[in-house]
Amino acid sequence: MGRCPRCRAEAEASRPAHKDAGRGTRWRRDSARYLEDHPYCECPACALLPPLQRDAATEVDHIDGLGPLGPRGFDPTNWQAMSKRHHSRKTAEETWGR
């Protein structure tokens, strides 16, 4: 059974917007440092290529798919540097199964 309309509205109001979910100052700082140390895409397809043949990494992906609010959100062993297009593709596959 779902929440009553009032409880659902309160929960929605307290939840950060998706684009901001857990991505505060700490996340911006930590992910920028990670990208400095991991400048090339680490997705499974790119990992097979020599570094200079990979896409440039511009985003940090959470391998578990839970983002910075997940239990391993700030654990660098749960991160991988990715290009925008590869990160978007992975997110679409996880979200919509495409």
Protein backbone atom coordinates (compact mmCIF):
# COMPACT_ATOMS: atom_id res chain seq x y z
CA MET A 1 0.00 0.00 0.00
CA GLY A 2 1.31 3.46 -0.89
CA ARG A 3 1.51 6.58 1.21
CA CYS A 4 -1.45 8.83 1.75
CA PRO A 5 -1.46 11.98 -0.44
CA ARG A 6 -0.33 14.18 2.44
CA CYS A 7 2.62 11.95 3.39
CA ARG A 8 3.60 11.56 -0.27
CA ALA A 9 3.58 15.37 -0.74
CA GLU A 10 5.72 15.85 2.40
CA ALA A 11 8.22 13.24 1.21
CA GLU A 12 8.43 14.83 -2.25
CA ALA A 13 8.98 18.28 -0.75
CA SER A 14 11.87 17.09 1.42
CA ARG A 15 13.61 15.13 -1.36
CA PRO A 16 16.31 17.01 -3.29
CA ALA A 17 15.74 17.48 -7.01
CA HIS A 18 17.29 14.59 -8.97
CA LYS A 19 20.00 16.75 -10.49
CA ASP A 20 21.04 17.88 -7.01
CA ALA A 21 20.60 14.60 -5.11
CA GLY A 22 23.66 14.47 -2.87
CA ARG A 23 25.81 16.48 -5.24
CA GLY A 24 26.93 19.24 -2.92
CA THR A 25 30.30 20.81 -2.34
CA ARG A 26 31.91 17.61 -1.06
CA TRP A 27 30.84 15.60 -4.12
CA ARG A 28 32.00 18.28 -6.56
CA ARG A 29 35.39 18.48 -4.84
CA ASP A 30 35.92 14.72 -4.50
CA SER A 31 34.77 13.88 -8.02
CA ALA A 32 36.99 16.64 -9.50
CA ARG A 33 39.99 15.16 -7.70
CA TYR A 34 39.07 11.68 -8.94
CA LEU A 35 38.93 12.93 -12.54
CA GLU A 36 42.37 14.54 -12.15
CA ASP A 37 43.76 11.10 -11.25
CA HIS A 38 41.61 9.21 -13.81
CA PRO A 39 41.51 11.38 -16.97
CA TYR A 40 40.30 8.63 -19.35
CA CYS A 41 37.00 6.76 -19.53
CA GLU A 42 37.02 3.55 -17.49
CA CYS A 43 33.80 2.00 -18.84
CA PRO A 44 34.10 -1.70 -19.77
CA ALA A 45 34.45 -0.94 -23.51
CA CYS A 46 37.12 1.73 -23.03
CA ALA A 47 39.00 -0.31 -20.43
CA LEU A 48 40.04 -2.66 -23.26
CA LEU A 49 41.77 0.19 -25.12
CA PRO A 50 45.11 1.89 -24.44
CA PRO A 51 44.54 5.10 -22.41
CA LEU A 52 45.20 7.51 -25.28
CA GLN A 53 42.55 5.78 -27.44
CA ARG A 54 39.85 6.14 -24.79
CA ASP A 55 37.37 8.99 -24.51
CA ALA A 56 38.27 11.76 -22.07
CA ALA A 57 36.54 11.29 -18.72
CA THR A 58 34.26 14.15 -17.73
CA GLU A 59 32.00 12.50 -15.14
CA VAL A 60 32.33 10.14 -12.19
CA ASP A 61 29.96 7.18 -12.18
CA HIS A 62 28.84 5.21 -9.14
CA ILE A 63 29.35 1.58 -10.10
CA ASP A 64 26.53 0.43 -7.81
CA GLY A 65 24.16 2.91 -9.50
CA LEU A 66 23.02 4.47 -6.22
CA GLY A 67 24.78 7.82 -6.53
CA PRO A 68 26.29 9.91 -3.74
CA LEU A 69 23.33 9.22 -1.43
CA GLY A 70 23.91 5.46 -1.51
CA PRO A 71 25.83 3.63 1.23
CA ARG A 72 29.02 3.71 -0.86
CA GLY A 73 28.42 7.17 -2.35
CA PHE A 74 31.77 8.58 -1.24
CA ASP A 75 33.78 5.37 -1.54
CA PRO A 76 36.27 5.79 -4.43
CA THR A 77 36.32 2.00 -4.97
CA ASN A 78 32.69 2.43 -6.09
CA TRP A 79 33.57 5.06 -8.70
CA GLN A 80 34.68 4.98 -12.30
CA ALA A 81 35.62 7.87 -14.54
CA MET A 82 33.46 8.02 -17.65
CA SER A 83 32.86 10.15 -20.71
CA LYS A 84 29.49 11.91 -20.87
CA ARG A 85 28.17 9.64 -23.64
CA HIS A 86 29.20 6.41 -21.91
CA HIS A 87 27.85 7.57 -18.54
CA SER A 88 24.54 8.58 -20.17
CA ARG A 89 24.33 5.21 -21.92
CA LYS A 90 24.97 3.32 -18.68
CA THR A 91 22.39 5.39 -16.81
CA ALA A 92 19.79 4.81 -19.55
CA GLU A 93 20.43 1.05 -19.46
CA GLU A 94 20.08 0.98 -15.67
CA THR A 95 17.01 3.17 -15.67
CA TRP A 96 15.06 1.97 -18.70
CA GLY A 97 16.80 -1.27 -19.61
CA ARG A 98 18.05 0.07 -22.94
